[in-house]
């Protein structure tokens, strides 16, 4: 009986430790996503010259992205695409 309890306790502890690691990874991913969002919004304000214009651009459908920049920025790859488009606009180039 004690062996079974020991295994259950070990398995329970392993699951708990696994959950903590997963929670830490999820928290880090959310933090990284938040940082990307802030960076994109700040750069958009710089490119368009005002927060109102930047917000309008972020909410408009973008042909190059296939959706609005605000929807695309939530992933690392999408955020990179949004930044590339902003850089192109800032340099007066074609997207």
PDB file of N, CA and C in Angstrom:
ATOM      1  N   UNK A   1       0.825  -1.196   0.000  1.00  0.00           N
ATOM      2  CA  UNK A   1       0.000   0.000   0.000  1.00  0.00           C
ATOM      3  C   UNK A   1       0.871   1.263   0.000  1.00  0.00           C
ATOM      4  N   UNK A   2       1.945   1.282   0.774  1.00  0.00           N
ATOM      5  CA  UNK A   2       2.788   2.461   0.819  1.00  0.00           C
ATOM      6  C   UNK A   2       3.507   2.686  -0.507  1.00  0.00           C
ATOM      7  N   UNK A   3       3.831   1.604  -1.227  1.00  0.00           N
ATOM      8  CA  UNK A   3       4.475   1.753  -2.529  1.00  0.00           C
ATOM      9  C   UNK A   3       3.507   2.430  -3.494  1.00  0.00           C
ATOM     10  N   UNK A   4       2.282   1.992  -3.503  1.00  0.00           N
ATOM     11  CA  UNK A   4       1.289   2.591  -4.398  1.00  0.00           C
ATOM     12  C   UNK A   4       1.090   4.061  -4.039  1.00  0.00           C
ATOM     13  N   UNK A   5       0.991   4.352  -2.749  1.00  0.00           N
ATOM     14  CA  UNK A   5       0.830   5.745  -2.334  1.00  0.00           C
ATOM     15  C   UNK A   5       2.054   6.558  -2.731  1.00  0.00           C
ATOM     16  N   UNK A   6       3.224   5.956  -2.584  1.00  0.00           N
ATOM     17  CA  UNK A   6       4.439   6.648  -2.978  1.00  0.00           C
ATOM     18  C   UNK A   6       4.449   6.973  -4.456  1.00  0.00           C
ATOM     19  N   UNK A   7       4.022   6.040  -5.295  1.00  0.00           N
ATOM     20  CA  UNK A   7       3.959   6.269  -6.739  1.00  0.00           C
ATOM     21  C   UNK A   7       2.940   7.349  -7.051  1.00  0.00           C
ATOM     22  N   UNK A   8       1.799   7.255  -6.413  1.00  0.00           N
ATOM     23  CA  UNK A   8       0.772   8.271  -6.656  1.00  0.00           C
ATOM     24  C   UNK A   8       1.269   9.652  -6.237  1.00  0.00           C
ATOM     25  N   UNK A   9       1.940   9.694  -5.102  1.00  0.00           N
ATOM     26  CA  UNK A   9       2.474  10.968  -4.636  1.00  0.00           C
ATOM     27  C   UNK A   9       3.517  11.490  -5.613  1.00  0.00           C
ATOM     28  N   UNK A  10       4.403  10.612  -6.069  1.00  0.00           N
ATOM     29  CA  UNK A  10       5.433  11.007  -7.022  1.00  0.00           C
ATOM     30  C   UNK A  10       4.796  11.494  -8.320  1.00  0.00           C
ATOM     31  N   UNK A  11       3.807  10.746  -8.815  1.00  0.00           N
ATOM     32  CA  UNK A  11       3.123  11.151 -10.052  1.00  0.00           C
ATOM     33  C   UNK A  11       2.422  12.484  -9.829  1.00  0.00           C
ATOM     34  N   UNK A  12       1.754  12.626  -8.687  1.00  0.00           N
ATOM     35  CA  UNK A  12       1.084  13.885  -8.384  1.00  0.00           C
ATOM     36  C   UNK A  12       2.063  15.035  -8.317  1.00  0.00           C
ATOM     37  N   UNK A  13       3.218  14.815  -7.699  1.00  0.00           N
ATOM     38  CA  UNK A  13       4.242  15.853  -7.621  1.00  0.00           C
ATOM     39  C   UNK A  13       4.779  16.181  -9.002  1.00  0.00           C
ATOM     40  N   UNK A  14       5.002  15.151  -9.820  1.00  0.00           N
ATOM     41  CA  UNK A  14       5.476  15.368 -11.189  1.00  0.00           C
ATOM     42  C   UNK A  14       4.493  16.194 -11.998  1.00  0.00           C
ATOM     43  N   UNK A  15       3.218  15.906 -11.848  1.00  0.00           N
ATOM     44  CA  UNK A  15       2.208  16.693 -12.559  1.00  0.00           C
ATOM     45  C   UNK A  15       2.215  18.130 -12.066  1.00  0.00           C
ATOM     46  N   UNK A  16       2.358  18.309 -10.767  1.00  0.00           N
ATOM     47  CA  UNK A  16       2.387  19.655 -10.211  1.00  0.00           C
ATOM     48  C   UNK A  16       3.594  20.432 -10.739  1.00  0.00           C
ATOM     49  N   UNK A  17       4.756  19.801 -10.706  1.00  0.00           N
ATOM     50  CA  UNK A  17       5.962  20.454 -11.209  1.00  0.00           C
ATOM     51  C   UNK A  17       5.796  20.771 -12.684  1.00  0.00           C
ATOM     52  N   UNK A  18       5.232  19.843 -13.448  1.00  0.00           N
ATOM     53  CA  UNK A  18       4.976  20.071 -14.872  1.00  0.00           C
ATOM     54  C   UNK A  18       4.036  21.238 -15.093  1.00  0.00           C
ATOM     55  N   UNK A  19       3.028  21.346 -14.253  1.00  0.00           N
ATOM     56  CA  UNK A  19       2.084  22.456 -14.375  1.00  0.00           C
ATOM     57  C   UNK A  19       2.762  23.785 -14.079  1.00  0.00           C
ATOM     58  N   UNK A  20       3.652  23.805 -13.087  1.00  0.00           N
ATOM     59  CA  UNK A  20       4.367  25.029 -12.753  1.00  0.00           C
ATOM     60  C   UNK A  20       5.233  25.448 -13.934  1.00  0.00           C
ATOM     61  N   UNK A  21       5.936  24.500 -14.536  1.00  0.00           N
ATOM     62  CA  UNK A  21       6.780  24.804 -15.688  1.00  0.00           C
ATOM     63  C   UNK A  21       5.933  25.318 -16.842  1.00  0.00           C
ATOM     64  N   UNK A  22       4.800  24.661 -17.099  1.00  0.00           N
ATOM     65  CA  UNK A  22       3.909  25.117 -18.163  1.00  0.00           C
ATOM     66  C   UNK A  22       3.370  26.502 -17.860  1.00  0.00           C
ATOM     67  N   UNK A  23       3.000  26.763 -16.617  1.00  0.00           N
ATOM     68  CA  UNK A  23       2.498  28.084 -16.243  1.00  0.00           C
ATOM     69  C   UNK A  23       3.568  29.148 -16.432  1.00  0.00           C
ATOM     70  N   UNK A  24       4.826  28.832 -16.080  1.00  0.00           N
ATOM     71  CA  UNK A  24       5.914  29.786 -16.270  1.00  0.00           C
ATOM     72  C   UNK A  24       6.132  30.064 -17.758  1.00  0.00           C
ATOM     73  N   UNK A  25       6.075  29.015 -18.579  1.00  0.00           N
ATOM     74  CA  UNK A  25       6.249  29.197 -20.019  1.00  0.00           C
ATOM     75  C   UNK A  25       5.116  30.036 -20.592  1.00  0.00           C
ATOM     76  N   UNK A  26       3.896  29.784 -20.142  1.00  0.00           N
ATOM     77  CA  UNK A  26       2.744  30.553 -20.624  1.00  0.00           C
ATOM     78  C   UNK A  26       2.869  32.013 -20.202  1.00  0.00           C
ATOM     79  N   UNK A  27       3.324  32.240 -18.972  1.00  0.00           N
ATOM     80  CA  UNK A  27       3.505  33.609 -18.486  1.00  0.00           C
ATOM     81  C   UNK A  27       4.582  34.323 -19.293  1.00  0.00           C
ATOM     82  N   UNK A  28       5.676  33.632 -19.593  1.00  0.00           N
ATOM     83  CA  UNK A  28       6.746  34.237 -20.389  1.00  0.00           C
ATOM     84  C   UNK A  28       6.257  34.553 -21.799  1.00  0.00           C
ATOM     85  N   UNK A  29       5.475  33.656 -22.386  1.00  0.00           N
ATOM     86  CA  UNK A  29       4.934  33.890 -23.730  1.00  0.00           C
ATOM     87  C   UNK A  29       4.005  35.100 -23.727  1.00  0.00           C
ATOM     88  N   UNK A  30       3.171  35.214 -22.711  1.00  0.00           N
ATOM     89  CA  UNK A  30       2.270  36.369 -22.613  1.00  0.00           C
ATOM     90  C   UNK A  30       3.056  37.662 -22.445  1.00  0.00           C
ATOM     91  N   UNK A  31       4.117  37.602 -21.645  1.00  0.00           N
ATOM     92  CA  UNK A  31       4.930  38.783 -21.434  1.00  0.00           C
ATOM     93  C   UNK A  31       5.626  39.192 -22.736  1.00  0.00           C
ATOM     94  N   UNK A  32       6.177  38.227 -23.452  1.00  0.00           N
ATOM     95  CA  UNK A  32       6.817  38.521 -24.738  1.00  0.00           C
ATOM     96  C   UNK A  32       5.820  39.111 -25.722  1.00  0.00           C
ATOM     97  N   UNK A  33       4.603  38.563 -25.737  1.00  0.00           N
ATOM     98  CA  UNK A  33       3.557  39.071 -26.622  1.00  0.00           C
ATOM     99  C   UNK A  33       3.207  40.514 -26.246  1.00  0.00           C
ATOM    100  N   UNK A  34       3.113  40.790 -24.970  1.00  0.00           N
ATOM    101  CA  UNK A  34       2.798  42.150 -24.521  1.00  0.00           C
ATOM    102  C   UNK A  34       3.885  43.133 -24.939  1.00  0.00           C
ATOM    103  N   UNK A  35       5.141  42.703 -24.827  1.00  0.00           N
ATOM    104  CA  UNK A  35       6.256  43.566 -25.232  1.00  0.00           C
ATOM    105  C   UNK A  35       6.193  43.844 -26.726  1.00  0.00           C
ATOM    106  N   UNK A  36       5.906  42.799 -27.527  1.00  0.00           N
ATOM    107  CA  UNK A  36       5.785  42.984 -28.991  1.00  0.00           C
ATOM    108  C   UNK A  36       4.689  43.977 -29.320  1.00  0.00           C
ATOM    109  N   UNK A  37       3.557  43.847 -28.660  1.00  0.00           N
ATOM    110  CA  UNK A  37       2.423  44.734 -28.917  1.00  0.00           C
ATOM    111  C   UNK A  37       2.797  46.188 -28.614  1.00  0.00           C
ATOM    112  N   UNK A  38       3.449  46.417 -27.493  1.00  0.00           N
ATOM    113  CA  UNK A  38       3.859  47.773 -27.114  1.00  0.00           C
ATOM    114  C   UNK A  38       4.855  48.326 -28.130  1.00  0.00           C
ATOM    115  N   UNK A  39       5.817  47.503 -28.546  1.00  0.00           N
ATOM    116  CA  UNK A  39       6.814  47.949 -29.532  1.00  0.00           C
ATOM    117  C   UNK A  39       6.159  48.312 -30.861  1.00  0.00           C
ATOM    118  N   UNK A  40       5.221  47.487 -31.308  1.00  0.00           N
ATOM    119  CA  UNK A  40       4.540  47.751 -32.577  1.00  0.00           C
ATOM    120  C   UNK A  40       3.726  49.032 -32.482  1.00  0.00           C
ATOM    121  N   UNK A  41       2.988  49.189 -31.400  1.00  0.00           N
ATOM    122  CA  UNK A  41       2.161  50.389 -31.254  1.00  0.00           C
ATOM    123  C   UNK A  41       3.018  51.652 -31.183  1.00  0.00           C
ATOM    124  N   UNK A  42       4.141  51.579 -30.478  1.00  0.00           N
ATOM    125  CA  UNK A  42       5.030  52.744 -30.385  1.00  0.00           C
ATOM    126  C   UNK A  42       5.621  53.076 -31.757  1.00  0.00           C
ATOM    127  N   UNK A  43       6.014  52.049 -32.492  1.00  0.00           N
ATOM    128  CA  UNK A  43       6.595  52.297 -33.813  1.00  0.00           C
ATOM    129  C   UNK A  43       5.537  52.822 -34.782  1.00  0.00           C
ATOM    130  N   UNK A  44       4.323  52.304 -34.693  1.00  0.00           N
ATOM    131  CA  UNK A  44       3.233  52.786 -35.544  1.00  0.00           C
ATOM    132  C   UNK A  44       2.960  54.266 -35.265  1.00  0.00           C
ATOM    133  N   UNK A  45       2.988  54.663 -33.997  1.00  0.00           N
ATOM    134  CA  UNK A  45       2.807  56.083 -33.652  1.00  0.00           C
ATOM    135  C   UNK A  45       3.918  56.929 -34.249  1.00  0.00           C
ATOM    136  N   UNK A  46       5.130  56.413 -34.186  1.00  0.00           N
ATOM    137  CA  UNK A  46       6.270  57.132 -34.761  1.00  0.00           C
ATOM    138  C   UNK A  46       6.115  57.270 -36.280  1.00  0.00           C
ATOM    139  N   UNK A  47       5.716  56.192 -36.931  1.00  0.00           N
ATOM    140  CA  UNK A  47       5.581  56.190 -38.396  1.00  0.00           C
ATOM    141  C   UNK A  47       4.459  57.121 -38.849  1.00  0.00           C
ATOM    142  N   UNK A  48       3.321  57.067 -38.165  1.00  0.00           N
ATOM    143  CA  UNK A  48       2.157  57.849 -38.604  1.00  0.00           C
ATOM    144  C   UNK A  48       2.057  59.220 -37.949  1.00  0.00           C
ATOM    145  N   UNK A  49       2.882  59.484 -36.936  1.00  0.00           N
ATOM    146  CA  UNK A  49       2.925  60.804 -36.344  1.00  0.00           C
ATOM    147  C   UNK A  49       1.897  61.083 -35.263  1.00  0.00           C
ATOM    148  N   UNK A  50       0.993  60.158 -35.012  1.00  0.00           N
ATOM    149  CA  UNK A  50       0.026  60.345 -33.928  1.00  0.00           C
ATOM    150  C   UNK A  50      -0.553  58.994 -33.527  1.00  0.00           C
ATOM    151  N   UNK A  51      -1.012  58.928 -32.290  1.00  0.00           N
ATOM    152  CA  UNK A  51      -1.600  57.681 -31.805  1.00  0.00           C
ATOM    153  C   UNK A  51      -2.935  57.398 -32.493  1.00  0.00           C
ATOM    154  N   UNK A  52      -3.693  58.447 -32.825  1.00  0.00           N
ATOM    155  CA  UNK A  52      -4.976  58.247 -33.514  1.00  0.00           C
ATOM    156  C   UNK A  52      -4.771  57.618 -34.889  1.00  0.00           C
ATOM    157  N   UNK A  53      -3.822  58.151 -35.653  1.00  0.00           N
ATOM    158  CA  UNK A  53      -3.548  57.595 -36.982  1.00  0.00           C
ATOM    159  C   UNK A  53      -3.013  56.167 -36.883  1.00  0.00           C
ATOM    160  N   UNK A  54      -2.163  55.926 -35.896  1.00  0.00           N
ATOM    161  CA  UNK A  54      -1.614  54.582 -35.707  1.00  0.00           C
ATOM    162  C   UNK A  54      -2.721  53.593 -35.362  1.00  0.00           C
ATOM    163  N   UNK A  55      -3.622  53.987 -34.455  1.00  0.00           N
ATOM    164  CA  UNK A  55      -4.744  53.101 -34.083  1.00  0.00           C
ATOM    165  C   UNK A  55      -5.644  52.819 -35.278  1.00  0.00           C
ATOM    166  N   UNK A  56      -5.903  53.849 -36.086  1.00  0.00           N
ATOM    167  CA  UNK A  56      -6.733  53.653 -37.284  1.00  0.00           C
ATOM    168  C   UNK A  56      -6.077  52.654 -38.228  1.00  0.00           C
ATOM    169  N   UNK A  57      -4.774  52.797 -38.448  1.00  0.00           N
ATOM    170  CA  UNK A  57      -4.048  51.886 -39.339  1.00  0.00           C
ATOM    171  C   UNK A  57      -4.073  50.463 -38.789  1.00  0.00           C
ATOM    172  N   UNK A  58      -3.909  50.323 -37.482  1.00  0.00           N
ATOM    173  CA  UNK A  58      -3.890  48.995 -36.859  1.00  0.00           C
ATOM    174  C   UNK A  58      -5.232  48.275 -36.990  1.00  0.00           C
ATOM    175  N   UNK A  59      -6.316  49.036 -37.141  1.00  0.00           N
ATOM    176  CA  UNK A  59      -7.654  48.441 -37.211  1.00  0.00           C
ATOM    177  C   UNK A  59      -8.178  48.273 -38.639  1.00  0.00           C
ATOM    178  N   UNK A  60      -7.443  48.799 -39.616  1.00  0.00           N
ATOM    179  CA  UNK A  60      -7.868  48.671 -41.014  1.00  0.00           C
ATOM    180  C   UNK A  60      -7.334  47.381 -41.619  1.00  0.00           C
ATOM    181  N   UNK A  61      -8.156  46.762 -42.452  1.00  0.00           N
ATOM    182  CA  UNK A  61      -7.708  45.560 -43.149  1.00  0.00           C
ATOM    183  C   UNK A  61      -6.500  45.910 -44.013  1.00  0.00           C
ATOM    184  N   UNK A  62      -5.492  45.063 -43.971  1.00  0.00           N
ATOM    185  CA  UNK A  62      -4.268  45.273 -44.728  1.00  0.00           C
ATOM    186  C   UNK A  62      -4.128  44.145 -45.749  1.00  0.00           C
ATOM    187  N   UNK A  63      -4.071  44.495 -47.015  1.00  0.00           N
ATOM    188  CA  UNK A  63      -4.017  43.495 -48.087  1.00  0.00           C
ATOM    189  C   UNK A  63      -2.795  42.588 -47.948  1.00  0.00           C
ATOM    190  N   UNK A  64      -1.651  43.162 -47.607  1.00  0.00           N
ATOM    191  CA  UNK A  64      -0.431  42.368 -47.482  1.00  0.00           C
ATOM    192  C   UNK A  64      -0.529  41.334 -46.360  1.00  0.00           C
ATOM    193  N   UNK A  65      -1.253  41.664 -45.298  1.00  0.00           N
ATOM    194  CA  UNK A  65      -1.401  40.752 -44.162  1.00  0.00           C
ATOM    195  C   UNK A  65      -2.593  39.819 -44.313  1.00  0.00           C
ATOM    196  N   UNK A  66      -3.574  40.240 -45.081  1.00  0.00           N
ATOM    197  CA  UNK A  66      -4.797  39.441 -45.219  1.00  0.00           C
ATOM    198  C   UNK A  66      -5.757  39.634 -44.055  1.00  0.00           C
ATOM    199  N   UNK A  67      -5.461  40.590 -43.200  1.00  0.00           N
ATOM    200  CA  UNK A  67      -6.324  40.914 -42.061  1.00  0.00           C
ATOM    201  C   UNK A  67      -5.841  42.256 -41.495  1.00  0.00           C
ATOM    202  N   UNK A  68      -6.339  42.616 -40.345  1.00  0.00           N
ATOM    203  CA  UNK A  68      -5.879  43.859 -39.729  1.00  0.00           C
ATOM    204  C   UNK A  68      -4.548  43.609 -39.004  1.00  0.00           C
ATOM    205  N   UNK A  69      -3.685  44.613 -38.948  1.00  0.00           N
ATOM    206  CA  UNK A  69      -2.428  44.450 -38.206  1.00  0.00           C
ATOM    207  C   UNK A  69      -2.656  44.087 -36.732  1.00  0.00           C
ATOM    208  N   UNK A  70      -3.739  44.568 -36.164  1.00  0.00           N
ATOM    209  CA  UNK A  70      -4.002  44.279 -34.751  1.00  0.00           C
ATOM    210  C   UNK A  70      -4.262  42.786 -34.526  1.00  0.00           C
ATOM    211  N   UNK A  71      -4.823  42.120 -35.516  1.00  0.00           N
ATOM    212  CA  UNK A  71      -5.036  40.676 -35.398  1.00  0.00           C
ATOM    213  C   UNK A  71      -3.749  39.900 -35.637  1.00  0.00           C
ATOM    214  N   UNK A  72      -2.916  40.371 -36.518  1.00  0.00           N
ATOM    215  CA  UNK A  72      -1.698  39.658 -36.909  1.00  0.00           C
ATOM    216  C   UNK A  72      -0.586  39.778 -35.870  1.00  0.00           C
ATOM    217  N   UNK A  73      -0.595  40.823 -35.096  1.00  0.00           N
ATOM    218  CA  UNK A  73       0.521  41.094 -34.177  1.00  0.00           C
ATOM    219  C   UNK A  73       0.609  40.143 -32.992  1.00  0.00           C
ATOM    220  N   UNK A  74      -0.380  39.294 -32.795  1.00  0.00           N
ATOM    221  CA  UNK A  74      -0.413  38.428 -31.614  1.00  0.00           C
ATOM    222  C   UNK A  74       0.549  37.251 -31.657  1.00  0.00           C
ATOM    223  N   UNK A  75       1.134  36.966 -32.808  1.00  0.00           N
ATOM    224  CA  UNK A  75       2.139  35.908 -32.886  1.00  0.00           C
ATOM    225  C   UNK A  75       3.482  36.537 -33.250  1.00  0.00           C
ATOM    226  N   UNK A  76       4.546  35.837 -32.961  1.00  0.00           N
ATOM    227  CA  UNK A  76       5.871  36.379 -33.264  1.00  0.00           C
ATOM    228  C   UNK A  76       6.032  36.609 -34.765  1.00  0.00           C
ATOM    229  N   UNK A  77       5.603  35.638 -35.567  1.00  0.00           N
ATOM    230  CA  UNK A  77       5.721  35.772 -37.017  1.00  0.00           C
ATOM    231  C   UNK A  77       4.832  36.902 -37.533  1.00  0.00           C
ATOM    232  N   UNK A  78       3.628  36.990 -37.019  1.00  0.00           N
ATOM    233  CA  UNK A  78       2.725  38.054 -37.427  1.00  0.00           C
ATOM    234  C   UNK A  78       3.249  39.428 -37.036  1.00  0.00           C
ATOM    235  N   UNK A  79       3.811  39.515 -35.834  1.00  0.00           N
ATOM    236  CA  UNK A  79       4.379  40.786 -35.378  1.00  0.00           C
ATOM    237  C   UNK A  79       5.534  41.211 -36.282  1.00  0.00           C
ATOM    238  N   UNK A  80       6.343  40.236 -36.697  1.00  0.00           N
ATOM    239  CA  UNK A  80       7.443  40.548 -37.620  1.00  0.00           C
ATOM    240  C   UNK A  80       6.911  41.093 -38.941  1.00  0.00           C
ATOM    241  N   UNK A  81       5.819  40.501 -39.436  1.00  0.00           N
ATOM    242  CA  UNK A  81       5.216  40.977 -40.685  1.00  0.00           C
ATOM    243  C   UNK A  81       4.707  42.407 -40.543  1.00  0.00           C
ATOM    244  N   UNK A  82       4.055  42.685 -39.424  1.00  0.00           N
ATOM    245  CA  UNK A  82       3.531  44.036 -39.176  1.00  0.00           C
ATOM    246  C   UNK A  82       4.686  45.033 -39.103  1.00  0.00           C
ATOM    247  N   UNK A  83       5.763  44.671 -38.406  1.00  0.00           N
ATOM    248  CA  UNK A  83       6.927  45.560 -38.303  1.00  0.00           C
ATOM    249  C   UNK A  83       7.554  45.812 -39.671  1.00  0.00           C
ATOM    250  N   UNK A  84       7.644  44.793 -40.521  1.00  0.00           N
ATOM    251  CA  UNK A  84       8.213  44.969 -41.863  1.00  0.00           C
ATOM    252  C   UNK A  84       7.377  45.949 -42.681  1.00  0.00           C
ATOM    253  N   UNK A  85       6.074  45.848 -42.564  1.00  0.00           N
ATOM    254  CA  UNK A  85       5.201  46.765 -43.292  1.00  0.00           C
ATOM    255  C   UNK A  85       5.378  48.190 -42.765  1.00  0.00           C
ATOM    256  N   UNK A  86       5.438  48.347 -41.448  1.00  0.00           N
ATOM    257  CA  UNK A  86       5.656  49.672 -40.870  1.00  0.00           C
ATOM    258  C   UNK A  86       6.997  50.248 -41.309  1.00  0.00           C
ATOM    259  N   UNK A  87       8.037  49.419 -41.329  1.00  0.00           N
ATOM    260  CA  UNK A  87       9.353  49.885 -41.784  1.00  0.00           C
ATOM    261  C   UNK A  87       9.299  50.334 -43.235  1.00  0.00           C
ATOM    262  N   UNK A  88       8.572  49.601 -44.054  1.00  0.00           N
ATOM    263  CA  UNK A  88       8.431  49.976 -45.461  1.00  0.00           C
ATOM    264  C   UNK A  88       7.718  51.312 -45.597  1.00  0.00           C
ATOM    265  N   UNK A  89       6.638  51.485 -44.830  1.00  0.00           N
ATOM    266  CA  UNK A  89       5.889  52.744 -44.861  1.00  0.00           C
ATOM    267  C   UNK A  89       6.794  53.892 -44.399  1.00  0.00           C
ATOM    268  N   UNK A  90       7.567  53.647 -43.333  1.00  0.00           N
ATOM    269  CA  UNK A  90       8.442  54.688 -42.794  1.00  0.00           C
ATOM    270  C   UNK A  90       9.488  55.138 -43.813  1.00  0.00           C
ATOM    271  N   UNK A  91       9.937  54.212 -44.638  1.00  0.00           N
ATOM    272  CA  UNK A  91      10.957  54.527 -45.635  1.00  0.00           C
ATOM    273  C   UNK A  91      10.359  54.987 -46.961  1.00  0.00           C
ATOM    274  N   UNK A  92       9.028  55.038 -47.013  1.00  0.00           N
ATOM    275  CA  UNK A  92       8.364  55.487 -48.221  1.00  0.00           C
ATOM    276  C   UNK A  92       8.310  54.442 -49.316  1.00  0.00           C
ATOM    277  N   UNK A  93       8.555  53.195 -48.941  1.00  0.00           N
ATOM    278  CA  UNK A  93       8.568  52.095 -49.909  1.00  0.00           C
ATOM    279  C   UNK A  93       7.220  51.477 -50.133  1.00  0.00           C
ATOM    280  N   UNK A  94       7.218  50.541 -51.032  1.00  0.00           N
ATOM    281  CA  UNK A  94       6.009  49.799 -51.360  1.00  0.00           C
ATOM    282  C   UNK A  94       5.955  48.570 -50.482  1.00  0.00           C
ATOM    283  N   UNK A  95       4.764  48.241 -50.021  1.00  0.00           N
ATOM    284  CA  UNK A  95       4.581  47.055 -49.180  1.00  0.00           C
ATOM    285  C   UNK A  95       4.361  45.855 -50.069  1.00  0.00           C
TER     286      UNK A  95
END
